[in-house]
Amino acid sequence: GHDINYLALTGILETMGPAGAPPLPPLNLVADFGGGSMLLVFGVMAA
């Protein structure tokens, strides 16, 4: 999967984009880096 797939599965992607148009992914900033690398660093520092 990729960023767009994980946003889709968590309900986030459905909220993004203009009305009457398909959902619009916010580049790959949210799942890949915000929800991925940032969470990994946070988890490592906690451990």
ModelCIF file with pLDDT and N, C-alpha, C, O atoms, coordinates in Angstrom:
data_MODEL
#
_entry.id   MODEL 
#
_entity.id                         1 
_entity.type                       polymer 
_entity.pdbx_number_of_molecules   1 
#
_entity_poly.entity_id                      1 
_entity_poly.type                           'polypeptide(L)' 
_entity_poly.nstd_linkage                   no 
_entity_poly.nstd_monomer                   no 
_entity_poly.pdbx_seq_one_letter_code       GHDINYLALTGILETMGPAGAPPLPPLNLVADFGGGSMLLVFGVMAA 
_entity_poly.pdbx_seq_one_letter_code_can   GHDINYLALTGILETMGPAGAPPLPPLNLVADFGGGSMLLVFGVMAA 
_entity_poly.pdbx_strand_id                 A 
#
loop_
_entity_poly_seq.entity_id 
_entity_poly_seq.num 
_entity_poly_seq.mon_id 
_entity_poly_seq.hetero 
1 1  GLY n 
1 2  HIS n 
1 3  ASP n 
1 4  ILE n 
1 5  ASN n 
1 6  TYR n 
1 7  LEU n 
1 8  ALA n 
1 9  LEU n 
1 10 THR n 
1 11 GLY n 
1 12 ILE n 
1 13 LEU n 
1 14 GLU n 
1 15 THR n 
1 16 MET n 
1 17 GLY n 
1 18 PRO n 
1 19 ALA n 
1 20 GLY n 
1 21 ALA n 
1 22 PRO n 
1 23 PRO n 
1 24 LEU n 
1 25 PRO n 
1 26 PRO n 
1 27 LEU n 
1 28 ASN n 
1 29 LEU n 
1 30 VAL n 
1 31 ALA n 
1 32 ASP n 
1 33 PHE n 
1 34 GLY n 
1 35 GLY n 
1 36 GLY n 
1 37 SER n 
1 38 MET n 
1 39 LEU n 
1 40 LEU n 
1 41 VAL n 
1 42 PHE n 
1 43 GLY n 
1 44 VAL n 
1 45 MET n 
1 46 ALA n 
1 47 ALA n 
#
_struct_asym.id          A 
_struct_asym.entity_id   1 
#
loop_
_ma_qa_metric.id 
_ma_qa_metric.mode 
_ma_qa_metric.name 
_ma_qa_metric.software_group_id 
_ma_qa_metric.type 
1 global pLDDT . pLDDT 
2 local  pLDDT . pLDDT 
#
_ma_qa_metric_global.metric_id      1 
_ma_qa_metric_global.metric_value   94.13 
_ma_qa_metric_global.model_id       1 
_ma_qa_metric_global.ordinal_id     1 
#
loop_
_ma_qa_metric_local.label_asym_id 
_ma_qa_metric_local.label_comp_id 
_ma_qa_metric_local.label_seq_id 
_ma_qa_metric_local.metric_id 
_ma_qa_metric_local.metric_value 
_ma_qa_metric_local.model_id 
_ma_qa_metric_local.ordinal_id 
A GLY 1  2 92.00 1 1  
A HIS 2  2 93.00 1 2  
A ASP 3  2 94.00 1 3  
A ILE 4  2 95.00 1 4  
A ASN 5  2 95.00 1 5  
A TYR 6  2 95.00 1 6  
A LEU 7  2 95.00 1 7  
A ALA 8  2 95.00 1 8  
A LEU 9  2 95.00 1 9  
A THR 10 2 94.00 1 10 
A GLY 11 2 93.00 1 11 
A ILE 12 2 93.00 1 12 
A LEU 13 2 94.00 1 13 
A GLU 14 2 92.00 1 14 
A THR 15 2 92.00 1 15 
A MET 16 2 92.00 1 16 
A GLY 17 2 89.00 1 17 
A PRO 18 2 87.00 1 18 
A ALA 19 2 86.00 1 19 
A GLY 20 2 87.00 1 20 
A ALA 21 2 89.00 1 21 
A PRO 22 2 93.00 1 22 
A PRO 23 2 93.00 1 23 
A LEU 24 2 93.00 1 24 
A PRO 25 2 93.00 1 25 
A PRO 26 2 93.00 1 26 
A LEU 27 2 92.00 1 27 
A ASN 28 2 93.00 1 28 
A LEU 29 2 94.00 1 29 
A VAL 30 2 95.00 1 30 
A ALA 31 2 95.00 1 31 
A ASP 32 2 95.00 1 32 
A PHE 33 2 96.00 1 33 
A GLY 34 2 95.00 1 34 
A GLY 35 2 96.00 1 35 
A GLY 36 2 96.00 1 36 
A SER 37 2 97.00 1 37 
A MET 38 2 97.00 1 38 
A LEU 39 2 97.00 1 39 
A LEU 40 2 98.00 1 40 
A VAL 41 2 98.00 1 41 
A PHE 42 2 98.00 1 42 
A GLY 43 2 98.00 1 43 
A VAL 44 2 98.00 1 44 
A MET 45 2 98.00 1 45 
A ALA 46 2 98.00 1 46 
A ALA 47 2 98.00 1 47 
#
loop_
_atom_site.group_PDB 
_atom_site.id 
_atom_site.type_symbol 
_atom_site.label_atom_id 
_atom_site.label_alt_id 
_atom_site.label_comp_id 
_atom_site.label_asym_id 
_atom_site.label_entity_id 
_atom_site.label_seq_id 
_atom_site.pdbx_PDB_ins_code 
_atom_site.Cartn_x 
_atom_site.Cartn_y 
_atom_site.Cartn_z 
_atom_site.occupancy 
_atom_site.B_iso_or_equiv 
_atom_site.pdbx_formal_charge 
_atom_site.auth_seq_id 
_atom_site.auth_comp_id 
_atom_site.auth_asym_id 
_atom_site.auth_atom_id 
_atom_site.pdbx_PDB_model_num 
ATOM 1   N N  . GLY A 1 1  ? 0.826   -1.198 0.000  1.00 92.00 ? 1  GLY A N  1 
ATOM 2   C CA . GLY A 1 1  ? 0.000   0.000  0.000  1.00 92.00 ? 1  GLY A CA 1 
ATOM 3   C C  . GLY A 1 1  ? 0.853   1.238  0.000  1.00 92.00 ? 1  GLY A C  1 
ATOM 4   O O  . GLY A 1 1  ? 2.073   1.173  0.149  1.00 92.00 ? 1  GLY A O  1 
ATOM 5   N N  . HIS A 1 2  ? 0.202   2.365  -0.168 1.00 93.00 ? 2  HIS A N  1 
ATOM 6   C CA . HIS A 1 2  ? 0.884   3.652  -0.123 1.00 93.00 ? 2  HIS A CA 1 
ATOM 7   C C  . HIS A 1 2  ? 0.060   4.612  0.720  1.00 93.00 ? 2  HIS A C  1 
ATOM 8   O O  . HIS A 1 2  ? -1.017  4.264  1.203  1.00 93.00 ? 2  HIS A O  1 
ATOM 9   N N  . ASP A 1 3  ? 0.574   5.816  0.891  1.00 94.00 ? 3  ASP A N  1 
ATOM 10  C CA . ASP A 1 3  ? -0.069  6.841  1.699  1.00 94.00 ? 3  ASP A CA 1 
ATOM 11  C C  . ASP A 1 3  ? -1.568  6.927  1.432  1.00 94.00 ? 3  ASP A C  1 
ATOM 12  O O  . ASP A 1 3  ? -2.371  6.943  2.366  1.00 94.00 ? 3  ASP A O  1 
ATOM 13  N N  . ILE A 1 4  ? -1.936  6.981  0.171  1.00 95.00 ? 4  ILE A N  1 
ATOM 14  C CA . ILE A 1 4  ? -3.342  7.152  -0.204 1.00 95.00 ? 4  ILE A CA 1 
ATOM 15  C C  . ILE A 1 4  ? -4.205  6.001  0.315  1.00 95.00 ? 4  ILE A C  1 
ATOM 16  O O  . ILE A 1 4  ? -5.361  6.211  0.682  1.00 95.00 ? 4  ILE A O  1 
ATOM 17  N N  . ASN A 1 5  ? -3.649  4.788  0.346  1.00 95.00 ? 5  ASN A N  1 
ATOM 18  C CA . ASN A 1 5  ? -4.416  3.632  0.804  1.00 95.00 ? 5  ASN A CA 1 
ATOM 19  C C  . ASN A 1 5  ? -4.676  3.688  2.305  1.00 95.00 ? 5  ASN A C  1 
ATOM 20  O O  . ASN A 1 5  ? -5.767  3.351  2.764  1.00 95.00 ? 5  ASN A O  1 
ATOM 21  N N  . TYR A 1 6  ? -3.673  4.114  3.063  1.00 95.00 ? 6  TYR A N  1 
ATOM 22  C CA . TYR A 1 6  ? -3.839  4.162  4.518  1.00 95.00 ? 6  TYR A CA 1 
ATOM 23  C C  . TYR A 1 6  ? -4.764  5.306  4.932  1.00 95.00 ? 6  TYR A C  1 
ATOM 24  O O  . TYR A 1 6  ? -5.501  5.189  5.911  1.00 95.00 ? 6  TYR A O  1 
ATOM 25  N N  . LEU A 1 7  ? -4.726  6.406  4.188  1.00 95.00 ? 7  LEU A N  1 
ATOM 26  C CA . LEU A 1 7  ? -5.683  7.481  4.444  1.00 95.00 ? 7  LEU A CA 1 
ATOM 27  C C  . LEU A 1 7  ? -7.099  7.022  4.113  1.00 95.00 ? 7  LEU A C  1 
ATOM 28  O O  . LEU A 1 7  ? -8.055  7.372  4.805  1.00 95.00 ? 7  LEU A O  1 
ATOM 29  N N  . ALA A 1 8  ? -7.219  6.238  3.054  1.00 95.00 ? 8  ALA A N  1 
ATOM 30  C CA . ALA A 1 8  ? -8.534  5.745  2.653  1.00 95.00 ? 8  ALA A CA 1 
ATOM 31  C C  . ALA A 1 8  ? -9.124  4.823  3.717  1.00 95.00 ? 8  ALA A C  1 
ATOM 32  O O  . ALA A 1 8  ? -10.313 4.906  4.021  1.00 95.00 ? 8  ALA A O  1 
ATOM 33  N N  . LEU A 1 9  ? -8.296  3.947  4.280  1.00 95.00 ? 9  LEU A N  1 
ATOM 34  C CA . LEU A 1 9  ? -8.781  2.954  5.230  1.00 95.00 ? 9  LEU A CA 1 
ATOM 35  C C  . LEU A 1 9  ? -9.101  3.543  6.597  1.00 95.00 ? 9  LEU A C  1 
ATOM 36  O O  . LEU A 1 9  ? -9.885  2.960  7.346  1.00 95.00 ? 9  LEU A O  1 
ATOM 37  N N  . THR A 1 10 ? -8.518  4.678  6.936  1.00 94.00 ? 10 THR A N  1 
ATOM 38  C CA . THR A 1 10 ? -8.764  5.281  8.254  1.00 94.00 ? 10 THR A CA 1 
ATOM 39  C C  . THR A 1 10 ? -9.875  6.323  8.228  1.00 94.00 ? 10 THR A C  1 
ATOM 40  O O  . THR A 1 10 ? -10.142 6.954  9.251  1.00 94.00 ? 10 THR A O  1 
ATOM 41  N N  . GLY A 1 11 ? -10.527 6.521  7.089  1.00 93.00 ? 11 GLY A N  1 
ATOM 42  C CA . GLY A 1 11 ? -11.626 7.465  6.992  1.00 93.00 ? 11 GLY A CA 1 
ATOM 43  C C  . GLY A 1 11 ? -11.201 8.894  6.717  1.00 93.00 ? 11 GLY A C  1 
ATOM 44  O O  . GLY A 1 11 ? -12.050 9.771  6.554  1.00 93.00 ? 11 GLY A O  1 
ATOM 45  N N  . ILE A 1 12 ? -9.897  9.143  6.664  1.00 93.00 ? 12 ILE A N  1 
ATOM 46  C CA . ILE A 1 12 ? -9.407  10.508 6.508  1.00 93.00 ? 12 ILE A CA 1 
ATOM 47  C C  . ILE A 1 12 ? -9.565  11.001 5.071  1.00 93.00 ? 12 ILE A C  1 
ATOM 48  O O  . ILE A 1 12 ? -9.994  12.131 4.839  1.00 93.00 ? 12 ILE A O  1 
ATOM 49  N N  . LEU A 1 13 ? -9.219  10.157 4.122  1.00 94.00 ? 13 LEU A N  1 
ATOM 50  C CA . LEU A 1 13 ? -9.250  10.589 2.725  1.00 94.00 ? 13 LEU A CA 1 
ATOM 51  C C  . LEU A 1 13 ? -10.646 11.009 2.295  1.00 94.00 ? 13 LEU A C  1 
ATOM 52  O O  . LEU A 1 13 ? -10.797 11.921 1.482  1.00 94.00 ? 13 LEU A O  1 
ATOM 53  N N  . GLU A 1 14 ? -11.658 10.357 2.828  1.00 92.00 ? 14 GLU A N  1 
ATOM 54  C CA . GLU A 1 14 ? -13.035 10.654 2.433  1.00 92.00 ? 14 GLU A CA 1 
ATOM 55  C C  . GLU A 1 14 ? -13.419 12.096 2.755  1.00 92.00 ? 14 GLU A C  1 
ATOM 56  O O  . GLU A 1 14 ? -14.336 12.648 2.146  1.00 92.00 ? 14 GLU A O  1 
ATOM 57  N N  . THR A 1 15 ? -12.720 12.702 3.707  1.00 92.00 ? 15 THR A N  1 
ATOM 58  C CA . THR A 1 15 ? -13.058 14.066 4.106  1.00 92.00 ? 15 THR A CA 1 
ATOM 59  C C  . THR A 1 15 ? -12.348 15.127 3.263  1.00 92.00 ? 15 THR A C  1 
ATOM 60  O O  . THR A 1 15 ? -12.641 16.315 3.397  1.00 92.00 ? 15 THR A O  1 
ATOM 61  N N  . MET A 1 16 ? -11.424 14.717 2.403  1.00 92.00 ? 16 MET A N  1 
ATOM 62  C CA . MET A 1 16 ? -10.554 15.671 1.705  1.00 92.00 ? 16 MET A CA 1 
ATOM 63  C C  . MET A 1 16 ? -10.988 15.899 0.267  1.00 92.00 ? 16 MET A C  1 
ATOM 64  O O  . MET A 1 16 ? -11.282 14.954 -0.465 1.00 92.00 ? 16 MET A O  1 
ATOM 65  N N  . GLY A 1 17 ? -11.025 17.166 -0.127 1.00 89.00 ? 17 GLY A N  1 
ATOM 66  C CA . GLY A 1 17 ? -11.389 17.497 -1.495 1.00 89.00 ? 17 GLY A CA 1 
ATOM 67  C C  . GLY A 1 17 ? -12.685 18.276 -1.558 1.00 89.00 ? 17 GLY A C  1 
ATOM 68  O O  . GLY A 1 17 ? -13.414 18.364 -0.570 1.00 89.00 ? 17 GLY A O  1 
ATOM 69  N N  . PRO A 1 18 ? -12.974 18.842 -2.720 1.00 87.00 ? 18 PRO A N  1 
ATOM 70  C CA . PRO A 1 18 ? -14.184 19.658 -2.872 1.00 87.00 ? 18 PRO A CA 1 
ATOM 71  C C  . PRO A 1 18 ? -15.442 18.806 -2.949 1.00 87.00 ? 18 PRO A C  1 
ATOM 72  O O  . PRO A 1 18 ? -15.391 17.623 -3.287 1.00 87.00 ? 18 PRO A O  1 
ATOM 73  N N  . ALA A 1 19 ? -16.550 19.416 -2.635 1.00 86.00 ? 19 ALA A N  1 
ATOM 74  C CA . ALA A 1 19 ? -17.841 18.727 -2.733 1.00 86.00 ? 19 ALA A CA 1 
ATOM 75  C C  . ALA A 1 19 ? -18.125 18.360 -4.180 1.00 86.00 ? 19 ALA A C  1 
ATOM 76  O O  . ALA A 1 19 ? -17.794 19.115 -5.095 1.00 86.00 ? 19 ALA A O  1 
ATOM 77  N N  . GLY A 1 20 ? -18.736 17.204 -4.386 1.00 87.00 ? 20 GLY A N  1 
ATOM 78  C CA . GLY A 1 20 ? -19.109 16.781 -5.730 1.00 87.00 ? 20 GLY A CA 1 
ATOM 79  C C  . GLY A 1 20 ? -17.959 16.280 -6.568 1.00 87.00 ? 20 GLY A C  1 
ATOM 80  O O  . GLY A 1 20 ? -18.121 16.082 -7.772 1.00 87.00 ? 20 GLY A O  1 
ATOM 81  N N  . ALA A 1 21 ? -16.787 16.067 -5.962 1.00 89.00 ? 21 ALA A N  1 
ATOM 82  C CA . ALA A 1 21 ? -15.614 15.584 -6.681 1.00 89.00 ? 21 ALA A CA 1 
ATOM 83  C C  . ALA A 1 21 ? -14.983 14.444 -5.886 1.00 89.00 ? 21 ALA A C  1 
ATOM 84  O O  . ALA A 1 21 ? -15.274 14.288 -4.700 1.00 89.00 ? 21 ALA A O  1 
ATOM 85  N N  . PRO A 1 22 ? -14.130 13.650 -6.518 1.00 93.00 ? 22 PRO A N  1 
ATOM 86  C CA . PRO A 1 22 ? -13.477 12.557 -5.781 1.00 93.00 ? 22 PRO A CA 1 
ATOM 87  C C  . PRO A 1 22 ? -12.585 13.087 -4.663 1.00 93.00 ? 22 PRO A C  1 
ATOM 88  O O  . PRO A 1 22 ? -12.086 14.209 -4.747 1.00 93.00 ? 22 PRO A O  1 
ATOM 89  N N  . PRO A 1 23 ? -12.382 12.285 -3.613 1.00 93.00 ? 23 PRO A N  1 
ATOM 90  C CA . PRO A 1 23 ? -11.453 12.697 -2.550 1.00 93.00 ? 23 PRO A CA 1 
ATOM 91  C C  . PRO A 1 23 ? -10.074 12.998 -3.134 1.00 93.00 ? 23 PRO A C  1 
ATOM 92  O O  . PRO A 1 23 ? -9.639  12.369 -4.099 1.00 93.00 ? 23 PRO A O  1 
ATOM 93  N N  . LEU A 1 24 ? -9.400  13.969 -2.528 1.00 93.00 ? 24 LEU A N  1 
ATOM 94  C CA . LEU A 1 24 ? -8.129  14.448 -3.070 1.00 93.00 ? 24 LEU A CA 1 
ATOM 95  C C  . LEU A 1 24 ? -7.014  14.192 -2.057 1.00 93.00 ? 24 LEU A C  1 
ATOM 96  O O  . LEU A 1 24 ? -7.059  14.749 -0.960 1.00 93.00 ? 24 LEU A O  1 
ATOM 97  N N  . PRO A 1 25 ? -6.008  13.366 -2.386 1.00 93.00 ? 25 PRO A N  1 
ATOM 98  C CA . PRO A 1 25 ? -4.939  13.070 -1.421 1.00 93.00 ? 25 PRO A CA 1 
ATOM 99  C C  . PRO A 1 25 ? -4.025  14.271 -1.210 1.00 93.00 ? 25 PRO A C  1 
ATOM 100 O O  . PRO A 1 25 ? -3.705  14.974 -2.168 1.00 93.00 ? 25 PRO A O  1 
ATOM 101 N N  . PRO A 1 26 ? -3.597  14.519 0.034  1.00 93.00 ? 26 PRO A N  1 
ATOM 102 C CA . PRO A 1 26 ? -2.722  15.656 0.360  1.00 93.00 ? 26 PRO A CA 1 
ATOM 103 C C  . PRO A 1 26 ? -1.250  15.304 0.168  1.00 93.00 ? 26 PRO A C  1 
ATOM 104 O O  . PRO A 1 26 ? -0.500  15.204 1.139  1.00 93.00 ? 26 PRO A O  1 
ATOM 105 N N  . LEU A 1 27 ? -0.836  15.115 -1.095 1.00 92.00 ? 27 LEU A N  1 
ATOM 106 C CA . LEU A 1 27 ? 0.507   14.604 -1.389 1.00 92.00 ? 27 LEU A CA 1 
ATOM 107 C C  . LEU A 1 27 ? 0.678   13.298 -0.611 1.00 92.00 ? 27 LEU A C  1 
ATOM 108 O O  . LEU A 1 27 ? -0.280  12.538 -0.471 1.00 92.00 ? 27 LEU A O  1 
ATOM 109 N N  . ASN A 1 28 ? 1.886   13.025 -0.101 1.00 93.00 ? 28 ASN A N  1 
ATOM 110 C CA . ASN A 1 28 ? 2.042   11.834 0.756  1.00 93.00 ? 28 ASN A CA 1 
ATOM 111 C C  . ASN A 1 28 ? 2.542   12.258 2.138  1.00 93.00 ? 28 ASN A C  1 
ATOM 112 O O  . ASN A 1 28 ? 3.315   11.549 2.782  1.00 93.00 ? 28 ASN A O  1 
ATOM 113 N N  . LEU A 1 29 ? 2.085   13.420 2.571  1.00 94.00 ? 29 LEU A N  1 
ATOM 114 C CA . LEU A 1 29 ? 2.581   13.976 3.823  1.00 94.00 ? 29 LEU A CA 1 
ATOM 115 C C  . LEU A 1 29 ? 1.940   13.378 5.063  1.00 94.00 ? 29 LEU A C  1 
ATOM 116 O O  . LEU A 1 29 ? 2.564   13.344 6.124  1.00 94.00 ? 29 LEU A O  1 
ATOM 117 N N  . VAL A 1 30 ? 0.710   12.907 4.949  1.00 95.00 ? 30 VAL A N  1 
ATOM 118 C CA . VAL A 1 30 ? -0.035  12.531 6.145  1.00 95.00 ? 30 VAL A CA 1 
ATOM 119 C C  . VAL A 1 30 ? 0.320   11.124 6.625  1.00 95.00 ? 30 VAL A C  1 
ATOM 120 O O  . VAL A 1 30 ? 0.797   10.968 7.749  1.00 95.00 ? 30 VAL A O  1 
ATOM 121 N N  . ALA A 1 31 ? 0.101   10.110 5.815  1.00 95.00 ? 31 ALA A N  1 
ATOM 122 C CA . ALA A 1 31 ? 0.361   8.739  6.264  1.00 95.00 ? 31 ALA A CA 1 
ATOM 123 C C  . ALA A 1 31 ? 1.843   8.399  6.234  1.00 95.00 ? 31 ALA A C  1 
ATOM 124 O O  . ALA A 1 31 ? 2.361   7.842  7.202  1.00 95.00 ? 31 ALA A O  1 
ATOM 125 N N  . ASP A 1 32 ? 2.529   8.719  5.160  1.00 95.00 ? 32 ASP A N  1 
ATOM 126 C CA . ASP A 1 32 ? 3.945   8.363  5.048  1.00 95.00 ? 32 ASP A CA 1 
ATOM 127 C C  . ASP A 1 32 ? 4.791   9.041  6.118  1.00 95.00 ? 32 ASP A C  1 
ATOM 128 O O  . ASP A 1 32 ? 5.527   8.378  6.848  1.00 95.00 ? 32 ASP A O  1 
ATOM 129 N N  . PHE A 1 33 ? 4.685   10.358 6.208  1.00 96.00 ? 33 PHE A N  1 
ATOM 130 C CA . PHE A 1 33 ? 5.589   11.100 7.071  1.00 96.00 ? 33 PHE A CA 1 
ATOM 131 C C  . PHE A 1 33 ? 4.966   11.501 8.406  1.00 96.00 ? 33 PHE A C  1 
ATOM 132 O O  . PHE A 1 33 ? 5.582   11.292 9.451  1.00 96.00 ? 33 PHE A O  1 
ATOM 133 N N  . GLY A 1 34 ? 3.773   12.065 8.399  1.00 95.00 ? 34 GLY A N  1 
ATOM 134 C CA . GLY A 1 34 ? 3.132   12.418 9.659  1.00 95.00 ? 34 GLY A CA 1 
ATOM 135 C C  . GLY A 1 34 ? 2.761   11.188 10.471 1.00 95.00 ? 34 GLY A C  1 
ATOM 136 O O  . GLY A 1 34 ? 3.102   11.088 11.649 1.00 95.00 ? 34 GLY A O  1 
ATOM 137 N N  . GLY A 1 35 ? 2.061   10.252 9.839  1.00 96.00 ? 35 GLY A N  1 
ATOM 138 C CA . GLY A 1 35 ? 1.622   9.054  10.546 1.00 96.00 ? 35 GLY A CA 1 
ATOM 139 C C  . GLY A 1 35 ? 2.631   7.932  10.525 1.00 96.00 ? 35 GLY A C  1 
ATOM 140 O O  . GLY A 1 35 ? 2.462   6.940  11.233 1.00 96.00 ? 35 GLY A O  1 
ATOM 141 N N  . GLY A 1 36 ? 3.695   8.066  9.715  1.00 96.00 ? 36 GLY A N  1 
ATOM 142 C CA . GLY A 1 36 ? 4.701   7.018  9.608  1.00 96.00 ? 36 GLY A CA 1 
ATOM 143 C C  . GLY A 1 36 ? 5.989   7.355  10.315 1.00 96.00 ? 36 GLY A C  1 
ATOM 144 O O  . GLY A 1 36 ? 6.235   6.879  11.423 1.00 96.00 ? 36 GLY A O  1 
ATOM 145 N N  . SER A 1 37 ? 6.822   8.180  9.681  1.00 97.00 ? 37 SER A N  1 
ATOM 146 C CA . SER A 1 37 ? 8.140   8.452  10.255 1.00 97.00 ? 37 SER A CA 1 
ATOM 147 C C  . SER A 1 37 ? 8.044   9.159  11.601 1.00 97.00 ? 37 SER A C  1 
ATOM 148 O O  . SER A 1 37 ? 8.814   8.855  12.512 1.00 97.00 ? 37 SER A O  1 
ATOM 149 N N  . MET A 1 38 ? 7.111   10.099 11.741 1.00 97.00 ? 38 MET A N  1 
ATOM 150 C CA . MET A 1 38 ? 6.981   10.800 13.022 1.00 97.00 ? 38 MET A CA 1 
ATOM 151 C C  . MET A 1 38 ? 6.561   9.841  14.137 1.00 97.00 ? 38 MET A C  1 
ATOM 152 O O  . MET A 1 38 ? 7.055   9.941  15.260 1.00 97.00 ? 38 MET A O  1 
ATOM 153 N N  . LEU A 1 39 ? 5.653   8.915  13.831 1.00 97.00 ? 39 LEU A N  1 
ATOM 154 C CA . LEU A 1 39 ? 5.221   7.943  14.836 1.00 97.00 ? 39 LEU A CA 1 
ATOM 155 C C  . LEU A 1 39 ? 6.370   6.999  15.191 1.00 97.00 ? 39 LEU A C  1 
ATOM 156 O O  . LEU A 1 39 ? 6.531   6.625  16.353 1.00 97.00 ? 39 LEU A O  1 
ATOM 157 N N  . LEU A 1 40 ? 7.165   6.615  14.195 1.00 98.00 ? 40 LEU A N  1 
ATOM 158 C CA . LEU A 1 40 ? 8.302   5.737  14.452 1.00 98.00 ? 40 LEU A CA 1 
ATOM 159 C C  . LEU A 1 40 ? 9.302   6.407  15.391 1.00 98.00 ? 40 LEU A C  1 
ATOM 160 O O  . LEU A 1 40 ? 9.757   5.793  16.356 1.00 98.00 ? 40 LEU A O  1 
ATOM 161 N N  . VAL A 1 41 ? 9.644   7.662  15.112 1.00 98.00 ? 41 VAL A N  1 
ATOM 162 C CA . VAL A 1 41 ? 10.581  8.373  15.972 1.00 98.00 ? 41 VAL A CA 1 
ATOM 163 C C  . VAL A 1 41 ? 10.019  8.512  17.384 1.00 98.00 ? 41 VAL A C  1 
ATOM 164 O O  . VAL A 1 41 ? 10.741  8.322  18.363 1.00 98.00 ? 41 VAL A O  1 
ATOM 165 N N  . PHE A 1 42 ? 8.740   8.843  17.488 1.00 98.00 ? 42 PHE A N  1 
ATOM 166 C CA . PHE A 1 42 ? 8.105   8.979  18.804 1.00 98.00 ? 42 PHE A CA 1 
ATOM 167 C C  . PHE A 1 42 ? 8.168   7.653  19.565 1.00 98.00 ? 42 PHE A C  1 
ATOM 168 O O  . PHE A 1 42 ? 8.487   7.629  20.754 1.00 98.00 ? 42 PHE A O  1 
ATOM 169 N N  . GLY A 1 43 ? 7.865   6.554  18.877 1.00 98.00 ? 43 GLY A N  1 
ATOM 170 C CA . GLY A 1 43 ? 7.892   5.241  19.517 1.00 98.00 ? 43 GLY A CA 1 
ATOM 171 C C  . GLY A 1 43 ? 9.287   4.850  19.967 1.00 98.00 ? 43 GLY A C  1 
ATOM 172 O O  . GLY A 1 43 ? 9.465   4.306  21.056 1.00 98.00 ? 43 GLY A O  1 
ATOM 173 N N  . VAL A 1 44 ? 10.278  5.128  19.128 1.00 98.00 ? 44 VAL A N  1 
ATOM 174 C CA . VAL A 1 44 ? 11.665  4.799  19.474 1.00 98.00 ? 44 VAL A CA 1 
ATOM 175 C C  . VAL A 1 44 ? 12.111  5.592  20.696 1.00 98.00 ? 44 VAL A C  1 
ATOM 176 O O  . VAL A 1 44 ? 12.734  5.036  21.600 1.00 98.00 ? 44 VAL A O  1 
ATOM 177 N N  . MET A 1 45 ? 11.795  6.891  20.731 1.00 98.00 ? 45 MET A N  1 
ATOM 178 C CA . MET A 1 45 ? 12.211  7.706  21.874 1.00 98.00 ? 45 MET A CA 1 
ATOM 179 C C  . MET A 1 45 ? 11.506  7.262  23.149 1.00 98.00 ? 45 MET A C  1 
ATOM 180 O O  . MET A 1 45 ? 12.098  7.298  24.228 1.00 98.00 ? 45 MET A O  1 
ATOM 181 N N  . ALA A 1 46 ? 10.241  6.842  23.036 1.00 98.00 ? 46 ALA A N  1 
ATOM 182 C CA . ALA A 1 46 ? 9.519   6.345  24.212 1.00 98.00 ? 46 ALA A CA 1 
ATOM 183 C C  . ALA A 1 46 ? 10.165  5.057  24.719 1.00 98.00 ? 46 ALA A C  1 
ATOM 184 O O  . ALA A 1 46 ? 10.304  4.862  25.927 1.00 98.00 ? 46 ALA A O  1 
ATOM 185 N N  . ALA A 1 47 ? 10.557  4.180  23.797 1.00 98.00 ? 47 ALA A N  1 
ATOM 186 C CA . ALA A 1 47 ? 11.198  2.919  24.194 1.00 98.00 ? 47 ALA A CA 1 
ATOM 187 C C  . ALA A 1 47 ? 12.570  3.174  24.827 1.00 98.00 ? 47 ALA A C  1 
ATOM 188 O O  . ALA A 1 47 ? 13.253  2.229  25.220 1.00 98.00 ? 47 ALA A O  1 
#
